[in-house]
Amino acid sequence: MKNALNLKGPKAVLSGLRRQQIQHRAKLPRISNQSNRYKVLRIIDWSNRDVHRYLLKHNLPYHPLFEQGYVTIGDWHSSRPITADDKIERDTSFKGLKQECGLHL
């Protein structure tokens, strides 16, 4: 992504990070400056319910893996469906050891 940003030179990037997803995102600002670009967290305050309502309103489908129990996706070899033993949704990706960076446009 860094190479693409350097090649295209946008003044801002949009990110799909949400506060509800993990504790360390709780204090992220809606707009920040990162590597001389604005980083805009447009849906930072959305809840899972807000996402659900948006999908319904715009007649958009959930990702097919959601129906199989995947509530978050990390990497291809450690992501798995959620189970009753998982304490938080993030335990199902990266074996709960690290976090992904979120969606960027």
PDB file of N, CA and C in Angstrom:
ATOM      1  N   MET A   1       0.822  -1.181   0.000  1.00  0.00           N
ATOM      2  CA  MET A   1       0.000   0.000   0.000  1.00  0.00           C
ATOM      3  C   MET A   1       0.871   1.253   0.000  1.00  0.00           C
ATOM      4  N   LYS A   2       1.960   1.180   0.739  1.00  0.00           N
ATOM      5  CA  LYS A   2       2.861   2.340   0.800  1.00  0.00           C
ATOM      6  C   LYS A   2       3.358   2.716  -0.590  1.00  0.00           C
ATOM      7  N   ASN A   3       3.718   1.721  -1.389  1.00  0.00           N
ATOM      8  CA  ASN A   3       4.193   1.988  -2.752  1.00  0.00           C
ATOM      9  C   ASN A   3       3.099   2.646  -3.589  1.00  0.00           C
ATOM     10  N   ALA A   4       1.868   2.144  -3.469  1.00  0.00           N
ATOM     11  CA  ALA A   4       0.752   2.717  -4.229  1.00  0.00           C
ATOM     12  C   ALA A   4       0.504   4.159  -3.817  1.00  0.00           C
ATOM     13  N   LEU A   5       0.565   4.439  -2.524  1.00  0.00           N
ATOM     14  CA  LEU A   5       0.368   5.811  -2.050  1.00  0.00           C
ATOM     15  C   LEU A   5       1.460   6.730  -2.572  1.00  0.00           C
ATOM     16  N   ASN A   6       2.685   6.260  -2.544  1.00  0.00           N
ATOM     17  CA  ASN A   6       3.791   7.075  -3.048  1.00  0.00           C
ATOM     18  C   ASN A   6       3.667   7.305  -4.553  1.00  0.00           C
ATOM     19  N   LEU A   7       3.199   6.301  -5.284  1.00  0.00           N
ATOM     20  CA  LEU A   7       3.051   6.414  -6.729  1.00  0.00           C
ATOM     21  C   LEU A   7       1.921   7.368  -7.109  1.00  0.00           C
ATOM     22  N   LYS A   8       0.781   7.245  -6.455  1.00  0.00           N
ATOM     23  CA  LYS A   8      -0.401   8.050  -6.798  1.00  0.00           C
ATOM     24  C   LYS A   8      -0.448   9.402  -6.089  1.00  0.00           C
ATOM     25  N   GLY A   9       0.160   9.495  -4.904  1.00  0.00           N
ATOM     26  CA  GLY A   9       0.251  10.759  -4.189  1.00  0.00           C
ATOM     27  C   GLY A   9      -1.062  11.380  -3.719  1.00  0.00           C
ATOM     28  N   PRO A  10      -1.994  10.603  -3.165  1.00  0.00           N
ATOM     29  CA  PRO A  10      -3.243  11.212  -2.702  1.00  0.00           C
ATOM     30  C   PRO A  10      -3.004  12.123  -1.497  1.00  0.00           C
ATOM     31  N   LYS A  11      -3.883  13.085  -1.336  1.00  0.00           N
ATOM     32  CA  LYS A  11      -3.792  13.999  -0.191  1.00  0.00           C
ATOM     33  C   LYS A  11      -4.442  13.406   1.049  1.00  0.00           C
ATOM     34  N   ALA A  12      -5.297  12.378   0.849  1.00  0.00           N
ATOM     35  CA  ALA A  12      -6.001  11.753   1.974  1.00  0.00           C
ATOM     36  C   ALA A  12      -6.258  10.282   1.677  1.00  0.00           C
ATOM     37  N   VAL A  13      -6.380   9.495   2.742  1.00  0.00           N
ATOM     38  CA  VAL A  13      -6.790   8.097   2.633  1.00  0.00           C
ATOM     39  C   VAL A  13      -7.988   7.888   3.558  1.00  0.00           C
ATOM     40  N   LEU A  14      -8.881   7.012   3.137  1.00  0.00           N
ATOM     41  CA  LEU A  14     -10.035   6.644   3.949  1.00  0.00           C
ATOM     42  C   LEU A  14      -9.770   5.283   4.557  1.00  0.00           C
ATOM     43  N   SER A  15     -10.142   5.116   5.813  1.00  0.00           N
ATOM     44  CA  SER A  15      -9.921   3.855   6.499  1.00  0.00           C
ATOM     45  C   SER A  15     -11.210   3.389   7.154  1.00  0.00           C
ATOM     46  N   GLY A  16     -11.439   2.082   7.155  1.00  0.00           N
ATOM     47  CA  GLY A  16     -12.646   1.505   7.740  1.00  0.00           C
ATOM     48  C   GLY A  16     -12.489   1.079   9.186  1.00  0.00           C
ATOM     49  N   LEU A  17     -11.588   1.691   9.927  1.00  0.00           N
ATOM     50  CA  LEU A  17     -11.426   1.358  11.341  1.00  0.00           C
ATOM     51  C   LEU A  17     -12.652   1.791  12.140  1.00  0.00           C
ATOM     52  N   ARG A  18     -13.006   0.981  13.161  1.00  0.00           N
ATOM     53  CA  ARG A  18     -14.128   1.322  14.036  1.00  0.00           C
ATOM     54  C   ARG A  18     -13.708   1.125  15.488  1.00  0.00           C
ATOM     55  N   ARG A  19     -14.113   2.037  16.343  1.00  0.00           N
ATOM     56  CA  ARG A  19     -13.771   1.979  17.772  1.00  0.00           C
ATOM     57  C   ARG A  19     -14.254   0.690  18.419  1.00  0.00           C
ATOM     58  N   GLN A  20     -15.427   0.238  18.034  1.00  0.00           N
ATOM     59  CA  GLN A  20     -16.040  -0.927  18.657  1.00  0.00           C
ATOM     60  C   GLN A  20     -15.229  -2.208  18.427  1.00  0.00           C
ATOM     61  N   GLN A  21     -14.396  -2.207  17.426  1.00  0.00           N
ATOM     62  CA  GLN A  21     -13.695  -3.426  17.066  1.00  0.00           C
ATOM     63  C   GLN A  21     -12.616  -3.847  18.060  1.00  0.00           C
ATOM     64  N   ILE A  22     -11.945  -2.903  18.659  1.00  0.00           N
ATOM     65  CA  ILE A  22     -10.863  -3.254  19.594  1.00  0.00           C
ATOM     66  C   ILE A  22     -10.519  -2.053  20.473  1.00  0.00           C
ATOM     67  N   GLN A  23     -10.090  -2.335  21.677  1.00  0.00           N
ATOM     68  CA  GLN A  23      -9.879  -1.306  22.696  1.00  0.00           C
ATOM     69  C   GLN A  23      -8.878  -0.233  22.288  1.00  0.00           C
ATOM     70  N   HIS A  24      -7.776  -0.614  21.646  1.00  0.00           N
ATOM     71  CA  HIS A  24      -6.760   0.403  21.332  1.00  0.00           C
ATOM     72  C   HIS A  24      -7.221   1.410  20.280  1.00  0.00           C
ATOM     73  N   ARG A  25      -8.377   1.186  19.656  1.00  0.00           N
ATOM     74  CA  ARG A  25      -8.913   2.159  18.700  1.00  0.00           C
ATOM     75  C   ARG A  25      -9.845   3.172  19.362  1.00  0.00           C
ATOM     76  N   ALA A  26     -10.110   3.007  20.626  1.00  0.00           N
ATOM     77  CA  ALA A  26     -11.103   3.837  21.327  1.00  0.00           C
ATOM     78  C   ALA A  26     -10.815   5.335  21.243  1.00  0.00           C
ATOM     79  N   LYS A  27      -9.559   5.719  21.228  1.00  0.00           N
ATOM     80  CA  LYS A  27      -9.211   7.143  21.260  1.00  0.00           C
ATOM     81  C   LYS A  27      -8.694   7.682  19.927  1.00  0.00           C
ATOM     82  N   LEU A  28      -8.851   6.907  18.876  1.00  0.00           N
ATOM     83  CA  LEU A  28      -8.388   7.392  17.573  1.00  0.00           C
ATOM     84  C   LEU A  28      -9.201   8.607  17.134  1.00  0.00           C
ATOM     85  N   PRO A  29      -8.536   9.602  16.577  1.00  0.00           N
ATOM     86  CA  PRO A  29      -9.273  10.772  16.074  1.00  0.00           C
ATOM     87  C   PRO A  29      -9.923  10.450  14.730  1.00  0.00           C
ATOM     88  N   ARG A  30     -10.983  11.164  14.413  1.00  0.00           N
ATOM     89  CA  ARG A  30     -11.674  10.957  13.131  1.00  0.00           C
ATOM     90  C   ARG A  30     -10.782  11.360  11.950  1.00  0.00           C
ATOM     91  N   ILE A  31      -9.983  12.414  12.131  1.00  0.00           N
ATOM     92  CA  ILE A  31      -9.055  12.876  11.092  1.00  0.00           C
ATOM     93  C   ILE A  31      -7.683  13.073  11.719  1.00  0.00           C
ATOM     94  N   SER A  32      -6.668  12.540  11.076  1.00  0.00           N
ATOM     95  CA  SER A  32      -5.305  12.723  11.567  1.00  0.00           C
ATOM     96  C   SER A  32      -4.380  12.918  10.370  1.00  0.00           C
ATOM     97  N   ASN A  33      -3.129  13.224  10.649  1.00  0.00           N
ATOM     98  CA  ASN A  33      -2.131  13.366   9.604  1.00  0.00           C
ATOM     99  C   ASN A  33      -1.166  12.205   9.745  1.00  0.00           C
ATOM    100  N   GLN A  34      -1.013  11.452   8.669  1.00  0.00           N
ATOM    101  CA  GLN A  34      -0.130  10.298   8.684  1.00  0.00           C
ATOM    102  C   GLN A  34       0.714  10.326   7.416  1.00  0.00           C
ATOM    103  N   SER A  35       2.010  10.411   7.567  1.00  0.00           N
ATOM    104  CA  SER A  35       2.935  10.444   6.432  1.00  0.00           C
ATOM    105  C   SER A  35       2.583  11.560   5.447  1.00  0.00           C
ATOM    106  N   ASN A  36       2.300  12.752   5.984  1.00  0.00           N
ATOM    107  CA  ASN A  36       1.962  13.933   5.181  1.00  0.00           C
ATOM    108  C   ASN A  36       0.685  13.774   4.362  1.00  0.00           C
ATOM    109  N   ARG A  37      -0.224  12.908   4.841  1.00  0.00           N
ATOM    110  CA  ARG A  37      -1.543  12.731   4.235  1.00  0.00           C
ATOM    111  C   ARG A  37      -2.582  12.744   5.339  1.00  0.00           C
ATOM    112  N   TYR A  38      -3.770  13.198   4.994  1.00  0.00           N
ATOM    113  CA  TYR A  38      -4.867  13.086   5.946  1.00  0.00           C
ATOM    114  C   TYR A  38      -5.342  11.642   5.977  1.00  0.00           C
ATOM    115  N   LYS A  39      -5.604  11.147   7.153  1.00  0.00           N
ATOM    116  CA  LYS A  39      -6.205   9.826   7.319  1.00  0.00           C
ATOM    117  C   LYS A  39      -7.588  10.063   7.909  1.00  0.00           C
ATOM    118  N   VAL A  40      -8.618   9.680   7.161  1.00  0.00           N
ATOM    119  CA  VAL A  40      -9.999   9.936   7.551  1.00  0.00           C
ATOM    120  C   VAL A  40     -10.659   8.624   7.959  1.00  0.00           C
ATOM    121  N   LEU A  41     -11.137   8.599   9.193  1.00  0.00           N
ATOM    122  CA  LEU A  41     -11.812   7.418   9.725  1.00  0.00           C
ATOM    123  C   LEU A  41     -13.314   7.683   9.708  1.00  0.00           C
ATOM    124  N   ARG A  42     -13.897   7.577   8.549  1.00  0.00           N
ATOM    125  CA  ARG A  42     -15.285   7.972   8.314  1.00  0.00           C
ATOM    126  C   ARG A  42     -16.300   7.198   9.161  1.00  0.00           C
ATOM    127  N   ILE A  43     -16.050   5.917   9.419  1.00  0.00           N
ATOM    128  CA  ILE A  43     -17.022   5.108  10.164  1.00  0.00           C
ATOM    129  C   ILE A  43     -16.510   4.739  11.564  1.00  0.00           C
ATOM    130  N   ILE A  44     -15.591   5.534  12.079  1.00  0.00           N
ATOM    131  CA  ILE A  44     -14.953   5.234  13.365  1.00  0.00           C
ATOM    132  C   ILE A  44     -15.958   4.998  14.496  1.00  0.00           C
ATOM    133  N   ASP A  45     -17.076   5.699  14.490  1.00  0.00           N
ATOM    134  CA  ASP A  45     -18.053   5.567  15.574  1.00  0.00           C
ATOM    135  C   ASP A  45     -19.208   4.623  15.250  1.00  0.00           C
ATOM    136  N   TRP A  46     -19.137   3.922  14.149  1.00  0.00           N
ATOM    137  CA  TRP A  46     -20.201   2.987  13.798  1.00  0.00           C
ATOM    138  C   TRP A  46     -20.142   1.741  14.676  1.00  0.00           C
ATOM    139  N   SER A  47     -21.288   1.251  15.042  1.00  0.00           N
ATOM    140  CA  SER A  47     -21.410  -0.013  15.774  1.00  0.00           C
ATOM    141  C   SER A  47     -21.690  -1.133  14.768  1.00  0.00           C
ATOM    142  N   ASN A  48     -21.698  -2.361  15.245  1.00  0.00           N
ATOM    143  CA  ASN A  48     -22.084  -3.477  14.375  1.00  0.00           C
ATOM    144  C   ASN A  48     -23.509  -3.266  13.857  1.00  0.00           C
ATOM    145  N   ARG A  49     -24.353  -2.710  14.693  1.00  0.00           N
ATOM    146  CA  ARG A  49     -25.735  -2.434  14.289  1.00  0.00           C
ATOM    147  C   ARG A  49     -25.779  -1.392  13.164  1.00  0.00           C
ATOM    148  N   ASP A  50     -24.938  -0.360  13.275  1.00  0.00           N
ATOM    149  CA  ASP A  50     -24.877   0.654  12.219  1.00  0.00           C
ATOM    150  C   ASP A  50     -24.464   0.032  10.881  1.00  0.00           C
ATOM    151  N   VAL A  51     -23.489  -0.859  10.929  1.00  0.00           N
ATOM    152  CA  VAL A  51     -23.042  -1.538   9.708  1.00  0.00           C
ATOM    153  C   VAL A  51     -24.198  -2.358   9.140  1.00  0.00           C
ATOM    154  N   HIS A  52     -24.885  -3.089  10.000  1.00  0.00           N
ATOM    155  CA  HIS A  52     -26.015  -3.909   9.573  1.00  0.00           C
ATOM    156  C   HIS A  52     -27.097  -3.047   8.910  1.00  0.00           C
ATOM    157  N   ARG A  53     -27.434  -1.953   9.545  1.00  0.00           N
ATOM    158  CA  ARG A  53     -28.460  -1.049   8.991  1.00  0.00           C
ATOM    159  C   ARG A  53     -28.035  -0.472   7.640  1.00  0.00           C
ATOM    160  N   TYR A  54     -26.768  -0.121   7.514  1.00  0.00           N
ATOM    161  CA  TYR A  54     -26.262   0.415   6.251  1.00  0.00           C
ATOM    162  C   TYR A  54     -26.397  -0.631   5.140  1.00  0.00           C
ATOM    163  N   LEU A  55     -26.016  -1.859   5.440  1.00  0.00           N
ATOM    164  CA  LEU A  55     -26.113  -2.919   4.442  1.00  0.00           C
ATOM    165  C   LEU A  55     -27.557  -3.137   4.009  1.00  0.00           C
ATOM    166  N   LEU A  56     -28.465  -3.136   4.974  1.00  0.00           N
ATOM    167  CA  LEU A  56     -29.890  -3.300   4.643  1.00  0.00           C
ATOM    168  C   LEU A  56     -30.415  -2.134   3.812  1.00  0.00           C
ATOM    169  N   LYS A  57     -30.108  -0.923   4.238  1.00  0.00           N
ATOM    170  CA  LYS A  57     -30.593   0.273   3.554  1.00  0.00           C
ATOM    171  C   LYS A  57     -30.156   0.318   2.092  1.00  0.00           C
ATOM    172  N   HIS A  58     -28.932  -0.129   1.830  1.00  0.00           N
ATOM    173  CA  HIS A  58     -28.370  -0.052   0.482  1.00  0.00           C
ATOM    174  C   HIS A  58     -28.409  -1.393  -0.255  1.00  0.00           C
ATOM    175  N   ASN A  59     -29.161  -2.341   0.326  1.00  0.00           N
ATOM    176  CA  ASN A  59     -29.341  -3.654  -0.289  1.00  0.00           C
ATOM    177  C   ASN A  59     -28.002  -4.317  -0.626  1.00  0.00           C
ATOM    178  N   LEU A  60     -27.084  -4.265   0.331  1.00  0.00           N
ATOM    179  CA  LEU A  60     -25.750  -4.848   0.160  1.00  0.00           C
ATOM    180  C   LEU A  60     -25.657  -6.153   0.939  1.00  0.00           C
ATOM    181  N   PRO A  61     -24.961  -7.142   0.414  1.00  0.00           N
ATOM    182  CA  PRO A  61     -24.832  -8.419   1.117  1.00  0.00           C
ATOM    183  C   PRO A  61     -23.702  -8.387   2.149  1.00  0.00           C
ATOM    184  N   TYR A  62     -23.820  -9.229   3.149  1.00  0.00           N
ATOM    185  CA  TYR A  62     -22.685  -9.492   4.021  1.00  0.00           C
ATOM    186  C   TYR A  62     -21.691 -10.324   3.235  1.00  0.00           C
ATOM    187  N   HIS A  63     -20.456 -10.315   3.669  1.00  0.00           N
ATOM    188  CA  HIS A  63     -19.450 -11.177   3.038  1.00  0.00           C
ATOM    189  C   HIS A  63     -19.885 -12.636   3.229  1.00  0.00           C
ATOM    190  N   PRO A  64     -19.705 -13.500   2.231  1.00  0.00           N
ATOM    191  CA  PRO A  64     -20.133 -14.900   2.358  1.00  0.00           C
ATOM    192  C   PRO A  64     -19.534 -15.629   3.558  1.00  0.00           C
ATOM    193  N   LEU A  65     -18.337 -15.260   3.984  1.00  0.00           N
ATOM    194  CA  LEU A  65     -17.726 -15.927   5.139  1.00  0.00           C
ATOM    195  C   LEU A  65     -18.444 -15.600   6.450  1.00  0.00           C
ATOM    196  N   PHE A  66     -19.167 -14.493   6.497  1.00  0.00           N
ATOM    197  CA  PHE A  66     -19.921 -14.133   7.699  1.00  0.00           C
ATOM    198  C   PHE A  66     -20.932 -15.229   8.028  1.00  0.00           C
ATOM    199  N   GLU A  67     -21.588 -15.760   7.007  1.00  0.00           N
ATOM    200  CA  GLU A  67     -22.574 -16.830   7.201  1.00  0.00           C
ATOM    201  C   GLU A  67     -21.929 -18.119   7.704  1.00  0.00           C
ATOM    202  N   GLN A  68     -20.623 -18.236   7.537  1.00  0.00           N
ATOM    203  CA  GLN A  68     -19.896 -19.417   8.005  1.00  0.00           C
ATOM    204  C   GLN A  68     -19.287 -19.198   9.390  1.00  0.00           C
ATOM    205  N   GLY A  69     -19.603 -18.056  10.031  1.00  0.00           N
ATOM    206  CA  GLY A  69     -19.131 -17.809  11.383  1.00  0.00           C
ATOM    207  C   GLY A  69     -17.901 -16.933  11.498  1.00  0.00           C
ATOM    208  N   TYR A  70     -17.401 -16.426  10.382  1.00  0.00           N
ATOM    209  CA  TYR A  70     -16.242 -15.534  10.423  1.00  0.00           C
ATOM    210  C   TYR A  70     -16.736 -14.126  10.746  1.00  0.00           C
ATOM    211  N   VAL A  71     -16.276 -13.567  11.851  1.00  0.00           N
ATOM    212  CA  VAL A  71     -16.693 -12.222  12.241  1.00  0.00           C
ATOM    213  C   VAL A  71     -15.600 -11.193  11.992  1.00  0.00           C
ATOM    214  N   THR A  72     -14.393 -11.661  11.739  1.00  0.00           N
ATOM    215  CA  THR A  72     -13.274 -10.807  11.361  1.00  0.00           C
ATOM    216  C   THR A  72     -12.301 -11.667  10.564  1.00  0.00           C
ATOM    217  N   ILE A  73     -11.562 -11.020   9.688  1.00  0.00           N
ATOM    218  CA  ILE A  73     -10.608 -11.742   8.844  1.00  0.00           C
ATOM    219  C   ILE A  73      -9.228 -11.151   9.070  1.00  0.00           C
ATOM    220  N   GLY A  74      -8.269 -12.019   9.300  1.00  0.00           N
ATOM    221  CA  GLY A  74      -6.880 -11.596   9.458  1.00  0.00           C
ATOM    222  C   GLY A  74      -6.094 -12.083   8.261  1.00  0.00           C
ATOM    223  N   ASP A  75      -5.356 -13.156   8.439  1.00  0.00           N
ATOM    224  CA  ASP A  75      -4.600 -13.727   7.336  1.00  0.00           C
ATOM    225  C   ASP A  75      -5.216 -15.074   6.949  1.00  0.00           C
ATOM    226  N   TRP A  76      -4.807 -15.605   5.824  1.00  0.00           N
ATOM    227  CA  TRP A  76      -5.433 -16.815   5.287  1.00  0.00           C
ATOM    228  C   TRP A  76      -5.175 -18.057   6.129  1.00  0.00           C
ATOM    229  N   HIS A  77      -4.070 -18.119   6.853  1.00  0.00           N
ATOM    230  CA  HIS A  77      -3.750 -19.351   7.567  1.00  0.00           C
ATOM    231  C   HIS A  77      -4.151 -19.357   9.042  1.00  0.00           C
ATOM    232  N   SER A  78      -4.595 -18.223   9.595  1.00  0.00           N
ATOM    233  CA  SER A  78      -4.994 -18.258  11.005  1.00  0.00           C
ATOM    234  C   SER A  78      -6.427 -17.788  11.255  1.00  0.00           C
ATOM    235  N   SER A  79      -7.102 -17.220  10.275  1.00  0.00           N
ATOM    236  CA  SER A  79      -8.491 -16.803  10.465  1.00  0.00           C
ATOM    237  C   SER A  79      -9.385 -18.035  10.555  1.00  0.00           C
ATOM    238  N   ARG A  80     -10.381 -17.946  11.419  1.00  0.00           N
ATOM    239  CA  ARG A  80     -11.294 -19.069  11.612  1.00  0.00           C
ATOM    240  C   ARG A  80     -12.631 -18.552  12.124  1.00  0.00           C
ATOM    241  N   PRO A  81     -13.669 -19.390  12.041  1.00  0.00           N
ATOM    242  CA  PRO A  81     -14.972 -18.979  12.572  1.00  0.00           C
ATOM    243  C   PRO A  81     -14.925 -18.806  14.092  1.00  0.00           C
ATOM    244  N   ILE A  82     -15.804 -17.969  14.604  1.00  0.00           N
ATOM    245  CA  ILE A  82     -15.887 -17.748  16.047  1.00  0.00           C
ATOM    246  C   ILE A  82     -16.513 -18.969  16.727  1.00  0.00           C
ATOM    247  N   THR A  83     -16.076 -19.230  17.958  1.00  0.00           N
ATOM    248  CA  THR A  83     -16.639 -20.334  18.742  1.00  0.00           C
ATOM    249  C   THR A  83     -17.097 -19.793  20.092  1.00  0.00           C
ATOM    250  N   ALA A  84     -17.803 -20.601  20.826  1.00  0.00           N
ATOM    251  CA  ALA A  84     -18.283 -20.205  22.153  1.00  0.00           C
ATOM    252  C   ALA A  84     -17.119 -19.976  23.116  1.00  0.00           C
ATOM    253  N   ASP A  85     -15.964 -20.544  22.843  1.00  0.00           N
ATOM    254  CA  ASP A  85     -14.797 -20.394  23.726  1.00  0.00           C
ATOM    255  C   ASP A  85     -14.048 -19.077  23.528  1.00  0.00           C
ATOM    256  N   ASP A  86     -14.314 -18.372  22.442  1.00  0.00           N
ATOM    257  CA  ASP A  86     -13.621 -17.116  22.173  1.00  0.00           C
ATOM    258  C   ASP A  86     -14.143 -16.012  23.080  1.00  0.00           C
ATOM    259  N   LYS A  87     -13.215 -15.309  23.724  1.00  0.00           N
ATOM    260  CA  LYS A  87     -13.593 -14.206  24.617  1.00  0.00           C
ATOM    261  C   LYS A  87     -13.963 -12.943  23.834  1.00  0.00           C
ATOM    262  N   ILE A  88     -13.216 -12.662  22.776  1.00  0.00           N
ATOM    263  CA  ILE A  88     -13.500 -11.515  21.908  1.00  0.00           C
ATOM    264  C   ILE A  88     -13.392 -11.962  20.452  1.00  0.00           C
ATOM    265  N   GLU A  89     -14.033 -11.214  19.570  1.00  0.00           N
ATOM    266  CA  GLU A  89     -14.024 -11.557  18.148  1.00  0.00           C
ATOM    267  C   GLU A  89     -12.617 -11.613  17.582  1.00  0.00           C
ATOM    268  N   ARG A  90     -11.726 -10.780  18.075  1.00  0.00           N
ATOM    269  CA  ARG A  90     -10.366 -10.695  17.548  1.00  0.00           C
ATOM    270  C   ARG A  90      -9.554 -11.969  17.777  1.00  0.00           C
ATOM    271  N   ASP A  91     -10.013 -12.837  18.662  1.00  0.00           N
ATOM    272  CA  ASP A  91      -9.301 -14.095  18.876  1.00  0.00           C
ATOM    273  C   ASP A  91      -9.340 -14.990  17.645  1.00  0.00           C
ATOM    274  N   THR A  92     -10.229 -14.689  16.700  1.00  0.00           N
ATOM    275  CA  THR A  92     -10.403 -15.543  15.528  1.00  0.00           C
ATOM    276  C   THR A  92      -9.479 -15.184  14.365  1.00  0.00           C
ATOM    277  N   SER A  93      -8.666 -14.158  14.518  1.00  0.00           N
ATOM    278  CA  SER A  93      -7.702 -13.827  13.464  1.00  0.00           C
ATOM    279  C   SER A  93      -6.339 -13.565  14.082  1.00  0.00           C
ATOM    280  N   PHE A  94      -5.316 -13.935  13.360  1.00  0.00           N
ATOM    281  CA  PHE A  94      -3.928 -13.812  13.834  1.00  0.00           C
ATOM    282  C   PHE A  94      -3.726 -14.500  15.182  1.00  0.00           C
ATOM    283  N   LYS A  95      -4.570 -15.494  15.465  1.00  0.00           N
ATOM    284  CA  LYS A  95      -4.517 -16.234  16.738  1.00  0.00           C
ATOM    285  C   LYS A  95      -4.586 -15.291  17.941  1.00  0.00           C
ATOM    286  N   GLY A  96      -5.207 -14.129  17.749  1.00  0.00           N
ATOM    287  CA  GLY A  96      -5.361 -13.157  18.825  1.00  0.00           C
ATOM    288  C   GLY A  96      -4.082 -12.444  19.200  1.00  0.00           C
ATOM    289  N   LEU A  97      -3.007 -12.638  18.440  1.00  0.00           N
ATOM    290  CA  LEU A  97      -1.706 -12.084  18.809  1.00  0.00           C
ATOM    291  C   LEU A  97      -1.424 -10.695  18.262  1.00  0.00           C
ATOM    292  N   LYS A  98      -2.063 -10.322  17.161  1.00  0.00           N
ATOM    293  CA  LYS A  98      -1.848  -8.991  16.598  1.00  0.00           C
ATOM    294  C   LYS A  98      -3.117  -8.543  15.901  1.00  0.00           C
ATOM    295  N   GLN A  99      -3.106  -7.334  15.434  1.00  0.00           N
ATOM    296  CA  GLN A  99      -4.299  -6.753  14.810  1.00  0.00           C
ATOM    297  C   GLN A  99      -4.003  -6.391  13.360  1.00  0.00           C
ATOM    298  N   GLU A 100      -5.038  -6.435  12.529  1.00  0.00           N
ATOM    299  CA  GLU A 100      -4.865  -5.991  11.161  1.00  0.00           C
ATOM    300  C   GLU A 100      -4.996  -4.476  11.116  1.00  0.00           C
ATOM    301  N   CYS A 101      -4.747  -3.917   9.963  1.00  0.00           N
ATOM    302  CA  CYS A 101      -4.713  -2.460   9.849  1.00  0.00           C
ATOM    303  C   CYS A 101      -6.056  -1.845   9.485  1.00  0.00           C
ATOM    304  N   GLY A 102      -7.058  -2.617   9.169  1.00  0.00           N
ATOM    305  CA  GLY A 102      -8.350  -2.068   8.758  1.00  0.00           C
ATOM    306  C   GLY A 102      -8.423  -1.914   7.252  1.00  0.00           C
ATOM    307  N   LEU A 103      -9.546  -1.471   6.771  1.00  0.00           N
ATOM    308  CA  LEU A 103      -9.763  -1.290   5.330  1.00  0.00           C
ATOM    309  C   LEU A 103      -9.363   0.111   4.929  1.00  0.00           C
ATOM    310  N   HIS A 104      -8.704   0.222   3.815  1.00  0.00           N
ATOM    311  CA  HIS A 104      -8.273   1.518   3.302  1.00  0.00           C
ATOM    312  C   HIS A 104      -8.699   1.678   1.858  1.00  0.00           C
ATOM    313  N   LEU A 105      -9.079   2.877   1.486  1.00  0.00           N
ATOM    314  CA  LEU A 105      -9.420   3.190   0.097  1.00  0.00           C
ATOM    315  C   LEU A 105      -8.494   4.267  -0.421  1.00  0.00           C
TER     316      LEU A 105
END
